[in-house]
Amino acid sequence: MNTSKKIIIGLLVGIVMGIIDVIPMIIQKLTWDANLSAFTMWIVIGIIVSLIDIKLNSIIKGILFGFLIIAPIAILIGWKQPVMLIPIFSMTFILSGLTGFLTTMLNKKF
């Protein structure tokens, strides 16, 4: 498949995952820098997961790279507010698995 198509698919899936992740953050009235950080992180995850060609189950691939990408952010957050890692890791697990599944499915379809 064409690399530019993979980037577009990853970008679109990342935008959807970013919106899903940010909605509860907006409801909780978190700061806009936190919202923007989370949203852009999902765009990056979507693009990277879409481009990576590795012999793993698509959901496992998404979860693996989702957690690798979030690791530096998790260290910063966990240092001051370790309890905040529970919802962050939960959303990362669910959304990154879904990202892996969707990008793989869409890359095969288009």
C-alpha atoms as a PDB file:
ATOM      1  CA  MET A   1       0.000   0.000   0.000  1.00  0.00           C
ATOM      2  CA  ASN A   2       1.010   3.559  -0.711  1.00  0.00           C
ATOM      3  CA  THR A   3       2.680   5.304   2.265  1.00  0.00           C
ATOM      4  CA  SER A   4       0.674   8.502   1.818  1.00  0.00           C
ATOM      5  CA  LYS A   5      -2.573   6.494   2.051  1.00  0.00           C
ATOM      6  CA  LYS A   6      -1.334   4.885   5.264  1.00  0.00           C
ATOM      7  CA  ILE A   7      -0.544   8.337   6.683  1.00  0.00           C
ATOM      8  CA  ILE A   8      -4.010   9.631   5.784  1.00  0.00           C
ATOM      9  CA  ILE A   9      -5.682   6.577   7.341  1.00  0.00           C
ATOM     10  CA  GLY A  10      -3.554   6.933  10.480  1.00  0.00           C
ATOM     11  CA  LEU A  11      -4.322  10.643  10.653  1.00  0.00           C
ATOM     12  CA  LEU A  12      -8.071  10.085  10.348  1.00  0.00           C
ATOM     13  CA  VAL A  13      -8.139   7.242  12.889  1.00  0.00           C
ATOM     14  CA  GLY A  14      -5.946   9.337  15.216  1.00  0.00           C
ATOM     15  CA  ILE A  15      -8.323  12.292  14.960  1.00  0.00           C
ATOM     16  CA  VAL A  16     -11.299  10.073  15.848  1.00  0.00           C
ATOM     17  CA  MET A  17      -9.432   8.526  18.814  1.00  0.00           C
ATOM     18  CA  GLY A  18      -8.307  11.999  19.909  1.00  0.00           C
ATOM     19  CA  ILE A  19     -11.878  13.276  19.918  1.00  0.00           C
ATOM     20  CA  ILE A  20     -13.047  10.240  21.891  1.00  0.00           C
ATOM     21  CA  ASP A  21     -10.252  10.758  24.432  1.00  0.00           C
ATOM     22  CA  VAL A  22     -10.693  14.518  24.787  1.00  0.00           C
ATOM     23  CA  ILE A  23     -14.478  14.575  25.266  1.00  0.00           C
ATOM     24  CA  PRO A  24     -14.316  13.322  28.896  1.00  0.00           C
ATOM     25  CA  MET A  25     -11.374  15.661  29.513  1.00  0.00           C
ATOM     26  CA  ILE A  26     -13.447  18.656  28.390  1.00  0.00           C
ATOM     27  CA  ILE A  27     -16.350  17.497  30.574  1.00  0.00           C
ATOM     28  CA  GLN A  28     -13.923  17.340  33.524  1.00  0.00           C
ATOM     29  CA  LYS A  29     -12.820  20.886  32.623  1.00  0.00           C
ATOM     30  CA  LEU A  30      -9.168  19.928  32.254  1.00  0.00           C
ATOM     31  CA  THR A  31      -6.822  22.565  30.878  1.00  0.00           C
ATOM     32  CA  TRP A  32      -6.624  23.152  27.142  1.00  0.00           C
ATOM     33  CA  ASP A  33      -2.932  22.287  27.084  1.00  0.00           C
ATOM     34  CA  ALA A  34      -3.792  18.835  28.475  1.00  0.00           C
ATOM     35  CA  ASN A  35      -6.606  18.448  25.923  1.00  0.00           C
ATOM     36  CA  LEU A  36      -4.382  19.514  23.030  1.00  0.00           C
ATOM     37  CA  SER A  37      -1.568  17.258  24.229  1.00  0.00           C
ATOM     38  CA  ALA A  38      -3.867  14.226  24.378  1.00  0.00           C
ATOM     39  CA  PHE A  39      -5.428  15.014  20.998  1.00  0.00           C
ATOM     40  CA  THR A  40      -2.086  15.375  19.213  1.00  0.00           C
ATOM     41  CA  MET A  41      -0.762  12.243  20.919  1.00  0.00           C
ATOM     42  CA  TRP A  42      -3.584  10.222  19.327  1.00  0.00           C
ATOM     43  CA  ILE A  43      -2.803  11.663  15.914  1.00  0.00           C
ATOM     44  CA  VAL A  44       0.827  10.573  16.344  1.00  0.00           C
ATOM     45  CA  ILE A  45      -0.231   7.115  17.562  1.00  0.00           C
ATOM     46  CA  GLY A  46      -2.606   6.731  14.622  1.00  0.00           C
ATOM     47  CA  ILE A  47       0.042   7.621  12.055  1.00  0.00           C
ATOM     48  CA  ILE A  48       2.787   5.498  13.610  1.00  0.00           C
ATOM     49  CA  VAL A  49       0.573   2.440  14.116  1.00  0.00           C
ATOM     50  CA  SER A  50      -0.682   2.767  10.544  1.00  0.00           C
ATOM     51  CA  LEU A  51       2.862   2.932   9.132  1.00  0.00           C
ATOM     52  CA  ILE A  52       4.502   0.219  11.254  1.00  0.00           C
ATOM     53  CA  ASP A  53       4.605  -3.136   9.515  1.00  0.00           C
ATOM     54  CA  ILE A  54       5.335  -5.698  12.199  1.00  0.00           C
ATOM     55  CA  LYS A  55       4.198  -9.300  12.520  1.00  0.00           C
ATOM     56  CA  LEU A  56       1.838  -8.827  15.459  1.00  0.00           C
ATOM     57  CA  ASN A  57      -1.890  -9.017  15.951  1.00  0.00           C
ATOM     58  CA  SER A  58      -3.237  -5.579  14.967  1.00  0.00           C
ATOM     59  CA  ILE A  59      -4.771  -4.925  18.382  1.00  0.00           C
ATOM     60  CA  ILE A  60      -1.565  -5.946  20.197  1.00  0.00           C
ATOM     61  CA  LYS A  61       0.457  -3.745  17.811  1.00  0.00           C
ATOM     62  CA  GLY A  62      -1.757  -0.764  18.645  1.00  0.00           C
ATOM     63  CA  ILE A  63      -1.514  -1.362  22.391  1.00  0.00           C
ATOM     64  CA  LEU A  64       2.262  -1.850  22.263  1.00  0.00           C
ATOM     65  CA  PHE A  65       2.952   1.341  20.343  1.00  0.00           C
ATOM     66  CA  GLY A  66       0.292   3.286  22.224  1.00  0.00           C
ATOM     67  CA  PHE A  67       2.007   2.529  25.520  1.00  0.00           C
ATOM     68  CA  LEU A  68       5.482   3.144  24.096  1.00  0.00           C
ATOM     69  CA  ILE A  69       4.398   6.580  22.901  1.00  0.00           C
ATOM     70  CA  ILE A  70       2.605   7.508  26.122  1.00  0.00           C
ATOM     71  CA  ALA A  71       5.473   6.364  28.405  1.00  0.00           C
ATOM     72  CA  PRO A  72       7.236   9.772  28.691  1.00  0.00           C
ATOM     73  CA  ILE A  73       3.931  11.533  29.410  1.00  0.00           C
ATOM     74  CA  ALA A  74       2.996   8.871  31.961  1.00  0.00           C
ATOM     75  CA  ILE A  75       6.253   9.444  33.836  1.00  0.00           C
ATOM     76  CA  LEU A  76       5.562  13.182  34.096  1.00  0.00           C
ATOM     77  CA  ILE A  77       1.953  12.686  35.196  1.00  0.00           C
ATOM     78  CA  GLY A  78       2.668   9.754  37.499  1.00  0.00           C
ATOM     79  CA  TRP A  79       5.424  11.610  39.301  1.00  0.00           C
ATOM     80  CA  LYS A  80       2.988  14.144  40.785  1.00  0.00           C
ATOM     81  CA  GLN A  81      -0.388  12.423  40.390  1.00  0.00           C
ATOM     82  CA  PRO A  82       0.026   8.641  40.223  1.00  0.00           C
ATOM     83  CA  VAL A  83      -3.709   8.014  40.634  1.00  0.00           C
ATOM     84  CA  MET A  84      -4.300   9.853  37.328  1.00  0.00           C
ATOM     85  CA  LEU A  85      -2.500   7.027  35.521  1.00  0.00           C
ATOM     86  CA  ILE A  86      -5.454   4.685  36.056  1.00  0.00           C
ATOM     87  CA  PRO A  87      -7.846   6.455  33.636  1.00  0.00           C
ATOM     88  CA  ILE A  88      -4.971   7.345  31.288  1.00  0.00           C
ATOM     89  CA  PHE A  89      -3.801   3.730  31.020  1.00  0.00           C
ATOM     90  CA  SER A  90      -7.404   2.520  30.668  1.00  0.00           C
ATOM     91  CA  MET A  91      -8.113   4.873  27.759  1.00  0.00           C
ATOM     92  CA  THR A  92      -4.730   4.123  26.202  1.00  0.00           C
ATOM     93  CA  PHE A  93      -5.378   0.384  26.353  1.00  0.00           C
ATOM     94  CA  ILE A  94      -8.833   0.640  24.775  1.00  0.00           C
ATOM     95  CA  LEU A  95      -8.162   3.355  22.196  1.00  0.00           C
ATOM     96  CA  SER A  96      -4.749   2.117  21.094  1.00  0.00           C
ATOM     97  CA  GLY A  97      -6.099  -1.408  20.593  1.00  0.00           C
ATOM     98  CA  LEU A  98      -8.924   0.070  18.552  1.00  0.00           C
ATOM     99  CA  THR A  99      -6.404   2.197  16.632  1.00  0.00           C
ATOM    100  CA  GLY A 100      -4.395  -0.899  15.731  1.00  0.00           C
ATOM    101  CA  PHE A 101      -7.489  -2.753  14.607  1.00  0.00           C
ATOM    102  CA  LEU A 102      -8.954   0.106  12.555  1.00  0.00           C
ATOM    103  CA  THR A 103      -5.738   1.175  10.842  1.00  0.00           C
ATOM    104  CA  THR A 104      -4.972  -2.417   9.843  1.00  0.00           C
ATOM    105  CA  MET A 105      -8.503  -3.010   8.591  1.00  0.00           C
ATOM    106  CA  LEU A 106      -8.610   0.268   6.632  1.00  0.00           C
ATOM    107  CA  ASN A 107      -5.107  -0.208   5.215  1.00  0.00           C
ATOM    108  CA  LYS A 108      -6.202  -3.609   3.845  1.00  0.00           C
ATOM    109  CA  LYS A 109      -9.459  -2.196   2.478  1.00  0.00           C
ATOM    110  CA  PHE A 110      -7.977   0.809   0.685  1.00  0.00           C
END
